[in-house]
PDB file of N, CA and C in Angstrom:
ATOM      1  N   MET A   1       0.469  -1.303  -0.077  1.00  0.00           N
ATOM      2  CA  MET A   1      -0.044   0.289  -0.010  1.00  0.00           C
ATOM      3  C   MET A   1       1.129   1.632  -0.367  1.00  0.00           C
ATOM      4  N   THR A   2       0.374   2.495  -0.344  1.00  0.00           N
ATOM      5  CA  THR A   2       0.989   3.675  -0.479  1.00  0.00           C
ATOM      6  C   THR A   2       0.710   4.569   0.112  1.00  0.00           C
ATOM      7  N   THR A   3       1.600   5.590   0.645  1.00  0.00           N
ATOM      8  CA  THR A   3       1.238   6.023   1.330  1.00  0.00           C
ATOM      9  C   THR A   3       0.833   7.278   1.145  1.00  0.00           C
ATOM     10  N   ARG A   4      -0.536   8.233   1.068  1.00  0.00           N
ATOM     11  CA  ARG A   4      -0.432   9.333   0.043  1.00  0.00           C
ATOM     12  C   ARG A   4      -0.606  10.351   1.240  1.00  0.00           C
ATOM     13  N   LEU A   5      -0.293  11.145   1.123  1.00  0.00           N
ATOM     14  CA  LEU A   5       0.090  12.403   2.577  1.00  0.00           C
ATOM     15  C   LEU A   5      -0.946  13.390   1.887  1.00  0.00           C
ATOM     16  N   HIS A   6      -2.200  13.642   3.343  1.00  0.00           N
ATOM     17  CA  HIS A   6      -2.273  15.045   2.565  1.00  0.00           C
ATOM     18  C   HIS A   6      -1.952  16.002   2.692  1.00  0.00           C
ATOM     19  N   PHE A   7      -2.485  16.769   1.845  1.00  0.00           N
ATOM     20  CA  PHE A   7      -1.815  18.559   0.675  1.00  0.00           C
ATOM     21  C   PHE A   7      -2.516  19.689   1.319  1.00  0.00           C
ATOM     22  N   PRO A   8      -2.981  20.302   2.180  1.00  0.00           N
ATOM     23  CA  PRO A   8      -1.366  20.905   2.522  1.00  0.00           C
ATOM     24  C   PRO A   8      -1.161  19.509   3.997  1.00  0.00           C
ATOM     25  N   TYR A   9       0.314  19.740   4.385  1.00  0.00           N
ATOM     26  CA  TYR A   9       0.736  18.417   5.054  1.00  0.00           C
ATOM     27  C   TYR A   9      -0.325  19.145   6.671  1.00  0.00           C
ATOM     28  N   GLN A  10      -1.515  17.643   7.113  1.00  0.00           N
ATOM     29  CA  GLN A  10      -1.640  17.951   8.822  1.00  0.00           C
ATOM     30  C   GLN A  10      -1.736  16.777   9.931  1.00  0.00           C
ATOM     31  N   PHE A  11      -1.562  16.831  11.008  1.00  0.00           N
ATOM     32  CA  PHE A  11      -1.701  15.910  11.391  1.00  0.00           C
ATOM     33  C   PHE A  11      -3.561  15.733  11.668  1.00  0.00           C
ATOM     34  N   ASP A  12      -3.323  14.239  11.845  1.00  0.00           N
ATOM     35  CA  ASP A  12      -4.791  13.552  12.182  1.00  0.00           C
ATOM     36  C   ASP A  12      -5.344  14.025  13.415  1.00  0.00           C
ATOM     37  N   GLY A  13      -7.045  12.986  13.814  1.00  0.00           N
ATOM     38  CA  GLY A  13      -6.875  13.065  15.469  1.00  0.00           C
ATOM     39  C   GLY A  13      -6.365  12.679  16.062  1.00  0.00           C
ATOM     40  N   ARG A  14      -5.452  11.341  15.907  1.00  0.00           N
ATOM     41  CA  ARG A  14      -3.967  10.325  16.286  1.00  0.00           C
ATOM     42  C   ARG A  14      -3.039  11.633  16.876  1.00  0.00           C
ATOM     43  N   GLY A  15      -2.773  12.043  16.465  1.00  0.00           N
ATOM     44  CA  GLY A  15      -1.276  13.105  16.023  1.00  0.00           C
ATOM     45  C   GLY A  15      -1.017  12.639  14.951  1.00  0.00           C
ATOM     46  N   ARG A  16      -0.737  11.552  13.933  1.00  0.00           N
ATOM     47  CA  ARG A  16      -0.272  11.524  13.282  1.00  0.00           C
ATOM     48  C   ARG A  16      -0.287  11.772  11.809  1.00  0.00           C
ATOM     49  N   THR A  17       0.163  11.979  10.696  1.00  0.00           N
ATOM     50  CA  THR A  17       0.173  12.506  10.017  1.00  0.00           C
ATOM     51  C   THR A  17      -0.996  11.897   8.911  1.00  0.00           C
ATOM     52  N   ARG A  18      -1.513  13.478   8.503  1.00  0.00           N
ATOM     53  CA  ARG A  18      -2.639  12.794   7.629  1.00  0.00           C
ATOM     54  C   ARG A  18      -2.843  12.114   6.516  1.00  0.00           C
ATOM     55  N   GLU A  19      -3.223  10.659   6.415  1.00  0.00           N
ATOM     56  CA  GLU A  19      -3.220  10.971   5.144  1.00  0.00           C
ATOM     57  C   GLU A  19      -4.352  10.324   4.138  1.00  0.00           C
ATOM     58  N   ASP A  20      -4.629  10.168   2.462  1.00  0.00           N
ATOM     59  CA  ASP A  20      -5.312  10.755   2.511  1.00  0.00           C
ATOM     60  C   ASP A  20      -6.178   9.809   1.237  1.00  0.00           C
ATOM     61  N   ASP A  21      -6.905   9.869   0.510  1.00  0.00           N
ATOM     62  CA  ASP A  21      -7.634   8.647  -0.277  1.00  0.00           C
ATOM     63  C   ASP A  21      -7.192   8.967  -1.680  1.00  0.00           C
ATOM     64  N   GLU A  22      -7.042   8.179  -2.796  1.00  0.00           N
ATOM     65  CA  GLU A  22      -6.230   8.547  -3.631  1.00  0.00           C
ATOM     66  C   GLU A  22      -7.200  10.209  -4.804  1.00  0.00           C
ATOM     67  N   ALA A  23      -8.179   9.803  -4.632  1.00  0.00           N
ATOM     68  CA  ALA A  23      -8.622  10.851  -5.412  1.00  0.00           C
ATOM     69  C   ALA A  23      -8.224  12.070  -4.321  1.00  0.00           C
ATOM     70  N   ALA A  24      -8.703  12.701  -2.942  1.00  0.00           N
ATOM     71  CA  ALA A  24      -7.873  13.893  -2.348  1.00  0.00           C
ATOM     72  C   ALA A  24      -6.585  13.412  -2.330  1.00  0.00           C
ATOM     73  N   TRP A  25      -5.975  12.426  -2.840  1.00  0.00           N
ATOM     74  CA  TRP A  25      -4.112  12.766  -2.650  1.00  0.00           C
ATOM     75  C   TRP A  25      -3.680  13.594  -4.060  1.00  0.00           C
ATOM     76  N   ILE A  26      -4.681  12.859  -5.162  1.00  0.00           N
ATOM     77  CA  ILE A  26      -4.099  13.402  -6.732  1.00  0.00           C
ATOM     78  C   ILE A  26      -4.983  14.727  -6.741  1.00  0.00           C
ATOM     79  N   ARG A  27      -6.002  15.167  -5.758  1.00  0.00           N
ATOM     80  CA  ARG A  27      -6.601  16.710  -6.267  1.00  0.00           C
ATOM     81  C   ARG A  27      -5.157  17.488  -5.669  1.00  0.00           C
ATOM     82  N   GLY A  28      -4.648  16.997  -4.512  1.00  0.00           N
ATOM     83  CA  GLY A  28      -3.695  17.464  -4.148  1.00  0.00           C
ATOM     84  C   GLY A  28      -2.411  17.635  -5.209  1.00  0.00           C
ATOM     85  N   LEU A  29      -1.918  16.792  -5.170  1.00  0.00           N
ATOM     86  CA  LEU A  29      -0.985  16.819  -6.313  1.00  0.00           C
ATOM     87  C   LEU A  29      -1.261  18.271  -7.708  1.00  0.00           C
ATOM     88  N   ILE A  30      -2.856  17.881  -7.424  1.00  0.00           N
ATOM     89  CA  ILE A  30      -3.349  18.913  -9.247  1.00  0.00           C
ATOM     90  C   ILE A  30      -2.485  20.742  -8.524  1.00  0.00           C
ATOM     91  N   GLU A  31      -3.109  20.243  -7.305  1.00  0.00           N
ATOM     92  CA  GLU A  31      -3.085  22.215  -6.508  1.00  0.00           C
ATOM     93  C   GLU A  31      -1.773  22.328  -6.948  1.00  0.00           C
ATOM     94  N   GLN A  32      -1.035  21.360  -6.356  1.00  0.00           N
ATOM     95  CA  GLN A  32       1.215  21.754  -5.921  1.00  0.00           C
ATOM     96  C   GLN A  32       1.534  21.912  -7.420  1.00  0.00           C
ATOM     97  N   VAL A  33       0.866  21.091  -8.692  1.00  0.00           N
ATOM     98  CA  VAL A  33       1.396  21.803 -10.123  1.00  0.00           C
ATOM     99  C   VAL A  33       0.660  22.668 -10.402  1.00  0.00           C
ATOM    100  N   LEU A  34      -0.571  23.334  -9.985  1.00  0.00           N
ATOM    101  CA  LEU A  34      -1.402  24.311 -10.354  1.00  0.00           C
ATOM    102  C   LEU A  34      -0.783  25.842  -9.916  1.00  0.00           C
ATOM    103  N   PHE A  35       0.049  25.513  -9.099  1.00  0.00           N
ATOM    104  CA  PHE A  35      -0.109  26.846  -7.922  1.00  0.00           C
ATOM    105  C   PHE A  35       1.456  27.145  -7.609  1.00  0.00           C
ATOM    106  N   THR A  36       2.163  25.598  -8.043  1.00  0.00           N
ATOM    107  CA  THR A  36       3.416  26.423  -7.845  1.00  0.00           C
ATOM    108  C   THR A  36       4.433  26.978  -8.699  1.00  0.00           C
ATOM    109  N   ALA A  37       5.425  27.594  -8.944  1.00  0.00           N
ATOM    110  CA  ALA A  37       6.020  28.890  -9.181  1.00  0.00           C
ATOM    111  C   ALA A  37       7.210  27.859 -10.192  1.00  0.00           C
ATOM    112  N   PRO A  38       7.120  28.030 -11.579  1.00  0.00           N
ATOM    113  CA  PRO A  38       8.601  27.329 -12.195  1.00  0.00           C
ATOM    114  C   PRO A  38       9.507  28.311 -11.232  1.00  0.00           C
ATOM    115  N   GLY A  39      11.036  27.269 -10.622  1.00  0.00           N
ATOM    116  CA  GLY A  39      11.739  27.751 -10.122  1.00  0.00           C
ATOM    117  C   GLY A  39      11.626  28.172  -8.383  1.00  0.00           C
ATOM    118  N   GLU A  40      10.417  27.819  -8.381  1.00  0.00           N
ATOM    119  CA  GLU A  40      10.603  27.557  -6.874  1.00  0.00           C
ATOM    120  C   GLU A  40      10.910  26.317  -5.881  1.00  0.00           C
ATOM    121  N   ARG A  41      11.358  24.995  -6.760  1.00  0.00           N
ATOM    122  CA  ARG A  41      11.512  24.127  -5.882  1.00  0.00           C
ATOM    123  C   ARG A  41      12.897  23.907  -6.475  1.00  0.00           C
ATOM    124  N   VAL A  42      14.069  24.284  -6.028  1.00  0.00           N
ATOM    125  CA  VAL A  42      14.623  24.286  -5.663  1.00  0.00           C
ATOM    126  C   VAL A  42      15.457  22.735  -6.344  1.00  0.00           C
ATOM    127  N   MET A  43      15.660  21.663  -6.046  1.00  0.00           N
ATOM    128  CA  MET A  43      16.183  20.390  -6.995  1.00  0.00           C
ATOM    129  C   MET A  43      15.500  19.769  -7.803  1.00  0.00           C
ATOM    130  N   ARG A  44      13.596  21.025  -8.365  1.00  0.00           N
ATOM    131  CA  ARG A  44      12.848  20.636  -9.670  1.00  0.00           C
ATOM    132  C   ARG A  44      12.385  22.066  -9.928  1.00  0.00           C
ATOM    133  N   PRO A  45      13.664  22.758 -10.259  1.00  0.00           N
ATOM    134  CA  PRO A  45      13.219  24.271 -10.922  1.00  0.00           C
ATOM    135  C   PRO A  45      12.109  24.543 -12.514  1.00  0.00           C
ATOM    136  N   ASP A  46      11.827  23.709 -13.153  1.00  0.00           N
ATOM    137  CA  ASP A  46      10.975  23.250 -13.883  1.00  0.00           C
ATOM    138  C   ASP A  46       9.515  23.248 -13.306  1.00  0.00           C
ATOM    139  N   PHE A  47       9.426  22.263 -12.158  1.00  0.00           N
ATOM    140  CA  PHE A  47       7.872  22.223 -11.797  1.00  0.00           C
ATOM    141  C   PHE A  47       7.505  23.291 -11.395  1.00  0.00           C
ATOM    142  N   GLY A  48       5.956  23.154 -11.909  1.00  0.00           N
ATOM    143  CA  GLY A  48       4.656  24.058 -11.942  1.00  0.00           C
ATOM    144  C   GLY A  48       4.356  24.663 -12.848  1.00  0.00           C
ATOM    145  N   SER A  49       3.030  25.708 -12.803  1.00  0.00           N
ATOM    146  CA  SER A  49       3.093  26.162 -14.378  1.00  0.00           C
ATOM    147  C   SER A  49       3.075  27.960 -14.354  1.00  0.00           C
ATOM    148  N   GLY A  50       3.478  27.807 -13.167  1.00  0.00           N
ATOM    149  CA  GLY A  50       3.066  29.573 -13.905  1.00  0.00           C
ATOM    150  C   GLY A  50       1.903  29.989 -13.001  1.00  0.00           C
ATOM    151  N   LEU A  51       1.148  29.367 -12.202  1.00  0.00           N
ATOM    152  CA  LEU A  51      -0.345  30.359 -12.798  1.00  0.00           C
ATOM    153  C   LEU A  51      -0.574  30.843 -11.855  1.00  0.00           C
ATOM    154  N   ARG A  52       0.306  31.008 -10.850  1.00  0.00           N
ATOM    155  CA  ARG A  52       0.313  32.366 -10.468  1.00  0.00           C
ATOM    156  C   ARG A  52       0.539  33.921 -10.608  1.00  0.00           C
ATOM    157  N   GLU A  53       1.811  33.460 -11.240  1.00  0.00           N
ATOM    158  CA  GLU A  53       2.454  34.951 -11.900  1.00  0.00           C
ATOM    159  C   GLU A  53       1.205  35.423 -12.927  1.00  0.00           C
ATOM    160  N   LEU A  54      -0.229  34.630 -13.626  1.00  0.00           N
ATOM    161  CA  LEU A  54      -0.627  35.501 -14.562  1.00  0.00           C
ATOM    162  C   LEU A  54      -2.001  35.748 -13.757  1.00  0.00           C
ATOM    163  N   VAL A  55      -2.277  35.692 -12.063  1.00  0.00           N
ATOM    164  CA  VAL A  55      -3.554  36.736 -11.429  1.00  0.00           C
ATOM    165  C   VAL A  55      -3.735  37.885 -11.685  1.00  0.00           C
ATOM    166  N   PHE A  56      -2.819  39.146 -11.618  1.00  0.00           N
ATOM    167  CA  PHE A  56      -2.558  40.102 -11.670  1.00  0.00           C
ATOM    168  C   PHE A  56      -2.056  40.420 -12.925  1.00  0.00           C
ATOM    169  N   ALA A  57      -1.545  39.748 -13.931  1.00  0.00           N
ATOM    170  CA  ALA A  57      -1.900  40.029 -15.752  1.00  0.00           C
ATOM    171  C   ALA A  57      -3.143  40.865 -16.148  1.00  0.00           C
ATOM    172  N   PRO A  58      -2.757  41.794 -17.361  1.00  0.00           N
ATOM    173  CA  PRO A  58      -3.942  42.105 -17.623  1.00  0.00           C
ATOM    174  C   PRO A  58      -5.439  41.366 -18.176  1.00  0.00           C
ATOM    175  N   ASN A  59      -6.588  41.628 -17.969  1.00  0.00           N
ATOM    176  CA  ASN A  59      -7.789  39.907 -18.257  1.00  0.00           C
ATOM    177  C   ASN A  59      -7.620  40.098 -19.201  1.00  0.00           C
ATOM    178  N   SER A  60      -7.763  39.269 -19.938  1.00  0.00           N
ATOM    179  CA  SER A  60      -8.263  38.827 -21.446  1.00  0.00           C
ATOM    180  C   SER A  60      -8.260  37.613 -21.861  1.00  0.00           C
ATOM    181  N   PRO A  61      -9.600  37.288 -23.367  1.00  0.00           N
ATOM    182  CA  PRO A  61      -9.648  36.130 -23.750  1.00  0.00           C
ATOM    183  C   PRO A  61      -8.016  35.500 -23.983  1.00  0.00           C
ATOM    184  N   GLU A  62      -7.107  36.622 -24.674  1.00  0.00           N
ATOM    185  CA  GLU A  62      -6.011  36.095 -25.037  1.00  0.00           C
ATOM    186  C   GLU A  62      -5.335  35.185 -23.266  1.00  0.00           C
ATOM    187  N   LEU A  63      -5.055  35.901 -22.227  1.00  0.00           N
ATOM    188  CA  LEU A  63      -5.148  35.399 -20.541  1.00  0.00           C
ATOM    189  C   LEU A  63      -4.964  33.821 -19.915  1.00  0.00           C
ATOM    190  N   ALA A  64      -6.983  34.194 -20.251  1.00  0.00           N
ATOM    191  CA  ALA A  64      -7.403  32.731 -20.418  1.00  0.00           C
ATOM    192  C   ALA A  64      -6.921  31.312 -21.441  1.00  0.00           C
ATOM    193  N   ALA A  65      -6.776  31.301 -22.851  1.00  0.00           N
ATOM    194  CA  ALA A  65      -6.208  30.685 -23.230  1.00  0.00           C
ATOM    195  C   ALA A  65      -4.608  30.126 -23.441  1.00  0.00           C
ATOM    196  N   THR A  66      -4.170  31.556 -22.839  1.00  0.00           N
ATOM    197  CA  THR A  66      -2.625  30.978 -22.288  1.00  0.00           C
ATOM    198  C   THR A  66      -2.522  29.910 -21.300  1.00  0.00           C
ATOM    199  N   THR A  67      -3.202  30.574 -20.032  1.00  0.00           N
ATOM    200  CA  THR A  67      -3.101  30.011 -18.735  1.00  0.00           C
ATOM    201  C   THR A  67      -3.952  28.617 -19.146  1.00  0.00           C
ATOM    202  N   GLN A  68      -4.852  27.824 -20.103  1.00  0.00           N
ATOM    203  CA  GLN A  68      -5.469  26.771 -20.158  1.00  0.00           C
ATOM    204  C   GLN A  68      -4.401  25.779 -20.621  1.00  0.00           C
ATOM    205  N   PHE A  69      -3.754  26.523 -21.635  1.00  0.00           N
ATOM    206  CA  PHE A  69      -2.270  25.884 -22.244  1.00  0.00           C
ATOM    207  C   PHE A  69      -1.619  25.589 -21.375  1.00  0.00           C
ATOM    208  N   LEU A  70      -0.891  26.167 -20.330  1.00  0.00           N
ATOM    209  CA  LEU A  70      -0.065  26.748 -19.437  1.00  0.00           C
ATOM    210  C   LEU A  70      -0.581  25.566 -18.211  1.00  0.00           C
ATOM    211  N   VAL A  71      -1.443  25.087 -18.149  1.00  0.00           N
ATOM    212  CA  VAL A  71      -2.437  24.093 -16.903  1.00  0.00           C
ATOM    213  C   VAL A  71      -2.594  22.830 -17.967  1.00  0.00           C
ATOM    214  N   GLN A  72      -2.954  22.505 -18.898  1.00  0.00           N
ATOM    215  CA  GLN A  72      -3.196  21.531 -19.402  1.00  0.00           C
ATOM    216  C   GLN A  72      -1.843  20.790 -19.621  1.00  0.00           C
ATOM    217  N   GLY A  73      -1.089  21.452 -19.940  1.00  0.00           N
ATOM    218  CA  GLY A  73       0.940  21.171 -20.660  1.00  0.00           C
ATOM    219  C   GLY A  73       1.287  20.349 -19.394  1.00  0.00           C
ATOM    220  N   ALA A  74       0.788  21.559 -18.080  1.00  0.00           N
ATOM    221  CA  ALA A  74       1.961  21.005 -16.813  1.00  0.00           C
ATOM    222  C   ALA A  74       1.378  19.799 -15.928  1.00  0.00           C
ATOM    223  N   LEU A  75       0.368  19.584 -16.211  1.00  0.00           N
ATOM    224  CA  LEU A  75      -0.582  18.509 -15.376  1.00  0.00           C
ATOM    225  C   LEU A  75      -0.136  17.337 -16.369  1.00  0.00           C
ATOM    226  N   GLN A  76       0.062  17.046 -17.733  1.00  0.00           N
ATOM    227  CA  GLN A  76       0.567  15.857 -18.681  1.00  0.00           C
ATOM    228  C   GLN A  76       1.836  16.298 -18.131  1.00  0.00           C
ATOM    229  N   GLN A  77       2.742  16.584 -18.318  1.00  0.00           N
ATOM    230  CA  GLN A  77       4.212  16.928 -17.641  1.00  0.00           C
ATOM    231  C   GLN A  77       4.284  16.300 -16.591  1.00  0.00           C
ATOM    232  N   TRP A  78       4.164  16.565 -15.514  1.00  0.00           N
ATOM    233  CA  TRP A  78       3.917  16.122 -14.328  1.00  0.00           C
ATOM    234  C   TRP A  78       2.639  15.038 -13.736  1.00  0.00           C
ATOM    235  N   LEU A  79       1.954  14.771 -13.988  1.00  0.00           N
ATOM    236  CA  LEU A  79       0.755  14.029 -13.432  1.00  0.00           C
ATOM    237  C   LEU A  79       0.746  12.631 -14.818  1.00  0.00           C
ATOM    238  N   ALA A  80       1.038  12.594 -16.036  1.00  0.00           N
ATOM    239  CA  ALA A  80       0.228  12.193 -16.631  1.00  0.00           C
ATOM    240  C   ALA A  80       0.629  10.698 -16.198  1.00  0.00           C
ATOM    241  N   GLU A  81       1.243   9.818 -15.663  1.00  0.00           N
ATOM    242  CA  GLU A  81       0.863   8.587 -14.848  1.00  0.00           C
ATOM    243  C   GLU A  81       0.052   8.856 -14.134  1.00  0.00           C
ATOM    244  N   LEU A  82      -0.586   8.810 -13.578  1.00  0.00           N
ATOM    245  CA  LEU A  82      -2.037   9.150 -12.402  1.00  0.00           C
ATOM    246  C   LEU A  82      -3.057   9.470 -13.096  1.00  0.00           C
ATOM    247  N   ILE A  83      -3.462  10.693 -13.845  1.00  0.00           N
ATOM    248  CA  ILE A  83      -4.066  11.469 -14.539  1.00  0.00           C
ATOM    249  C   ILE A  83      -4.682  11.650 -15.918  1.00  0.00           C
ATOM    250  N   THR A  84      -5.252  11.207 -16.864  1.00  0.00           N
ATOM    251  CA  THR A  84      -5.573  12.096 -18.089  1.00  0.00           C
ATOM    252  C   THR A  84      -6.763  13.131 -18.057  1.00  0.00           C
ATOM    253  N   VAL A  85      -5.665  14.430 -18.632  1.00  0.00           N
ATOM    254  CA  VAL A  85      -6.832  15.764 -18.512  1.00  0.00           C
ATOM    255  C   VAL A  85      -7.102  15.787 -19.972  1.00  0.00           C
ATOM    256  N   GLU A  86      -8.899  15.238 -19.577  1.00  0.00           N
ATOM    257  CA  GLU A  86      -9.948  15.526 -20.580  1.00  0.00           C
ATOM    258  C   GLU A  86     -10.680  16.264 -20.289  1.00  0.00           C
ATOM    259  N   ALA A  87      -9.910  18.557 -19.973  1.00  0.00           N
ATOM    260  CA  ALA A  87     -10.961  18.998 -20.372  1.00  0.00           C
ATOM    261  C   ALA A  87     -10.453  20.178 -18.748  1.00  0.00           C
ATOM    262  N   VAL A  88      -9.620  21.245 -19.450  1.00  0.00           N
ATOM    263  CA  VAL A  88      -8.811  22.799 -18.754  1.00  0.00           C
ATOM    264  C   VAL A  88      -9.970  24.388 -18.752  1.00  0.00           C
ATOM    265  N   GLU A  89     -10.667  24.363 -17.704  1.00  0.00           N
ATOM    266  CA  GLU A  89     -11.246  25.341 -17.779  1.00  0.00           C
ATOM    267  C   GLU A  89     -10.854  26.770 -17.574  1.00  0.00           C
ATOM    268  N   VAL A  90     -11.082  27.975 -17.910  1.00  0.00           N
ATOM    269  CA  VAL A  90      -9.859  28.890 -16.692  1.00  0.00           C
ATOM    270  C   VAL A  90     -10.868  29.943 -17.275  1.00  0.00           C
ATOM    271  N   GLU A  91     -11.123  30.868 -15.893  1.00  0.00           N
ATOM    272  CA  GLU A  91     -12.065  31.955 -16.191  1.00  0.00           C
ATOM    273  C   GLU A  91     -11.700  33.188 -15.394  1.00  0.00           C
ATOM    274  N   ALA A  92     -11.554  34.107 -16.143  1.00  0.00           N
ATOM    275  CA  ALA A  92     -10.242  35.567 -15.095  1.00  0.00           C
ATOM    276  C   ALA A  92     -11.264  36.253 -15.423  1.00  0.00           C
ATOM    277  N   VAL A  93     -11.415  36.818 -13.596  1.00  0.00           N
ATOM    278  CA  VAL A  93     -12.468  38.199 -13.389  1.00  0.00           C
ATOM    279  C   VAL A  93     -11.563  38.536 -12.340  1.00  0.00           C
ATOM    280  N   ASP A  94     -10.858  39.823 -12.903  1.00  0.00           N
ATOM    281  CA  ASP A  94     -10.623  40.927 -11.794  1.00  0.00           C
ATOM    282  C   ASP A  94      -9.040  40.147 -11.653  1.00  0.00           C
ATOM    283  N   ALA A  95      -9.363  40.125 -10.728  1.00  0.00           N
ATOM    284  CA  ALA A  95      -8.371  39.879  -9.730  1.00  0.00           C
ATOM    285  C   ALA A  95      -8.230  37.960  -9.071  1.00  0.00           C
ATOM    286  N   ARG A  96      -9.223  37.721  -9.891  1.00  0.00           N
ATOM    287  CA  ARG A  96      -9.524  36.367  -8.977  1.00  0.00           C
ATOM    288  C   ARG A  96      -9.133  35.010 -10.757  1.00  0.00           C
ATOM    289  N   LEU A  97      -8.722  33.981 -10.509  1.00  0.00           N
ATOM    290  CA  LEU A  97      -8.274  33.501 -11.366  1.00  0.00           C
ATOM    291  C   LEU A  97      -8.859  31.748 -10.935  1.00  0.00           C
ATOM    292  N   SER A  98      -9.831  31.616 -11.760  1.00  0.00           N
ATOM    293  CA  SER A  98     -10.231  30.447 -11.456  1.00  0.00           C
ATOM    294  C   SER A  98     -10.050  29.364 -13.086  1.00  0.00           C
ATOM    295  N   VAL A  99      -9.747  27.874 -12.186  1.00  0.00           N
ATOM    296  CA  VAL A  99      -9.691  26.557 -13.113  1.00  0.00           C
ATOM    297  C   VAL A  99      -9.922  25.943 -12.726  1.00  0.00           C
ATOM    298  N   THR A 100     -10.859  25.500 -13.449  1.00  0.00           N
ATOM    299  CA  THR A 100     -11.684  23.372 -13.621  1.00  0.00           C
ATOM    300  C   THR A 100     -10.952  22.992 -14.223  1.00  0.00           C
ATOM    301  N   VAL A 101     -10.383  21.655 -13.904  1.00  0.00           N
ATOM    302  CA  VAL A 101     -10.246  21.109 -14.655  1.00  0.00           C
ATOM    303  C   VAL A 101     -10.527  19.423 -14.542  1.00  0.00           C
ATOM    304  N   GLN A 102     -10.942  19.030 -15.436  1.00  0.00           N
ATOM    305  CA  GLN A 102     -11.614  17.568 -15.951  1.00  0.00           C
ATOM    306  C   GLN A 102     -10.404  16.113 -15.862  1.00  0.00           C
ATOM    307  N   TYR A 103     -10.834  15.673 -15.204  1.00  0.00           N
ATOM    308  CA  TYR A 103      -9.714  14.814 -15.235  1.00  0.00           C
ATOM    309  C   TYR A 103     -10.066  13.277 -15.633  1.00  0.00           C
ATOM    310  N   ARG A 104      -9.556  12.449 -15.731  1.00  0.00           N
ATOM    311  CA  ARG A 104      -9.806  10.682 -15.302  1.00  0.00           C
ATOM    312  C   ARG A 104      -8.476  10.122 -14.728  1.00  0.00           C
ATOM    313  N   ILE A 105      -9.039   9.701 -13.152  1.00  0.00           N
ATOM    314  CA  ILE A 105      -7.890   9.086 -12.773  1.00  0.00           C
ATOM    315  C   ILE A 105      -7.391   7.469 -13.516  1.00  0.00           C
ATOM    316  N   ARG A 106      -6.496   7.403 -13.765  1.00  0.00           N
ATOM    317  CA  ARG A 106      -5.556   6.521 -14.332  1.00  0.00           C
ATOM    318  C   ARG A 106      -6.787   5.020 -14.044  1.00  0.00           C
ATOM    319  N   ARG A 107      -6.037   4.354 -12.420  1.00  0.00           N
ATOM    320  CA  ARG A 107      -5.800   3.112 -11.877  1.00  0.00           C
ATOM    321  C   ARG A 107      -7.393   3.647 -11.938  1.00  0.00           C
ATOM    322  N   THR A 108      -7.991   3.925 -11.611  1.00  0.00           N
ATOM    323  CA  THR A 108      -9.861   3.252 -11.600  1.00  0.00           C
ATOM    324  C   THR A 108     -10.214   3.500 -12.895  1.00  0.00           C
ATOM    325  N   GLU A 109      -9.677   5.020 -13.858  1.00  0.00           N
ATOM    326  CA  GLU A 109     -10.990   5.289 -15.043  1.00  0.00           C
ATOM    327  C   GLU A 109     -11.818   5.295 -13.574  1.00  0.00           C
ATOM    328  N   THR A 110     -12.116   6.440 -12.618  1.00  0.00           N
ATOM    329  CA  THR A 110     -13.039   7.732 -11.922  1.00  0.00           C
ATOM    330  C   THR A 110     -12.499   9.152 -13.088  1.00  0.00           C
ATOM    331  N   ARG A 111     -13.697   9.521 -13.463  1.00  0.00           N
ATOM    332  CA  ARG A 111     -13.831  10.850 -13.385  1.00  0.00           C
ATOM    333  C   ARG A 111     -13.941  11.783 -12.323  1.00  0.00           C
ATOM    334  N   GLN A 112     -12.941  12.914 -12.714  1.00  0.00           N
ATOM    335  CA  GLN A 112     -13.098  13.771 -11.893  1.00  0.00           C
ATOM    336  C   GLN A 112     -12.652  15.489 -12.257  1.00  0.00           C
ATOM    337  N   ARG A 113     -13.916  16.477 -11.645  1.00  0.00           N
ATOM    338  CA  ARG A 113     -13.601  18.088 -11.753  1.00  0.00           C
ATOM    339  C   ARG A 113     -13.857  18.569 -11.059  1.00  0.00           C
ATOM    340  N   GLU A 114     -12.903  19.120 -10.502  1.00  0.00           N
ATOM    341  CA  GLU A 114     -12.585  20.167  -9.898  1.00  0.00           C
ATOM    342  C   GLU A 114     -11.687  21.663 -10.203  1.00  0.00           C
ATOM    343  N   SER A 115     -12.120  22.469  -9.195  1.00  0.00           N
ATOM    344  CA  SER A 115     -11.939  23.907  -9.441  1.00  0.00           C
ATOM    345  C   SER A 115     -11.148  24.424  -8.286  1.00  0.00           C
ATOM    346  N   PHE A 116     -10.469  25.018  -9.062  1.00  0.00           N
ATOM    347  CA  PHE A 116      -8.988  25.658  -7.870  1.00  0.00           C
ATOM    348  C   PHE A 116      -9.281  27.748  -8.086  1.00  0.00           C
ATOM    349  N   VAL A 117      -9.254  28.524  -6.993  1.00  0.00           N
ATOM    350  CA  VAL A 117      -9.125  29.465  -6.995  1.00  0.00           C
ATOM    351  C   VAL A 117      -8.031  30.014  -6.962  1.00  0.00           C
ATOM    352  N   GLN A 118      -7.284  31.125  -7.572  1.00  0.00           N
ATOM    353  CA  GLN A 118      -6.369  31.789  -7.213  1.00  0.00           C
ATOM    354  C   GLN A 118      -6.179  33.238  -6.700  1.00  0.00           C
ATOM    355  N   GLY A 119      -6.419  33.846  -6.334  1.00  0.00           N
ATOM    356  CA  GLY A 119      -6.271  35.653  -5.468  1.00  0.00           C
ATOM    357  C   GLY A 119      -7.463  36.053  -6.027  1.00  0.00           C
ATOM    358  N   GLY A 120      -8.104  37.049  -5.381  1.00  0.00           N
ATOM    359  CA  GLY A 120      -9.820  37.399  -5.930  1.00  0.00           C
ATOM    360  C   GLY A 120     -10.422  37.292  -4.180  1.00  0.00           C
ATOM    361  N   ALA A 121     -11.737  36.953  -3.817  1.00  0.00           N
ATOM    362  CA  ALA A 121     -12.430  36.613  -3.289  1.00  0.00           C
ATOM    363  C   ALA A 121     -13.403  35.260  -3.422  1.00  0.00           C
ATOM    364  N   ALA A 122     -13.145  34.154  -3.684  1.00  0.00           N
ATOM    365  CA  ALA A 122     -13.856  32.638  -4.010  1.00  0.00           C
ATOM    366  C   ALA A 122     -15.430  32.814  -4.613  1.00  0.00           C
TER     367      ALA A 122
END
């Protein structure tokens, strides 16, 4: 059995490291890819999507398309063994960036749809 640590790191009710089921663990991995800036991790400088840098960029359809491309590429690069990305939707309103990812967990063939928000009020 593989240990799947909860993201962000937490303790459970017994004071031990909190673990997650596969779906929650994968959601945490997606969140890490989305909100880690390239260069932020010393041992993996190319890890991440660059999404946070786009939060304060001038809002436009071009920004949404660029973000969609960046997110899909980063998820395919870093999580292709775990998930198949089916769709990425990006909505940018003021300083708020909302990304919805539809994907299939490869091991179970379970389809998931998750939303992630950065900046502004949710």
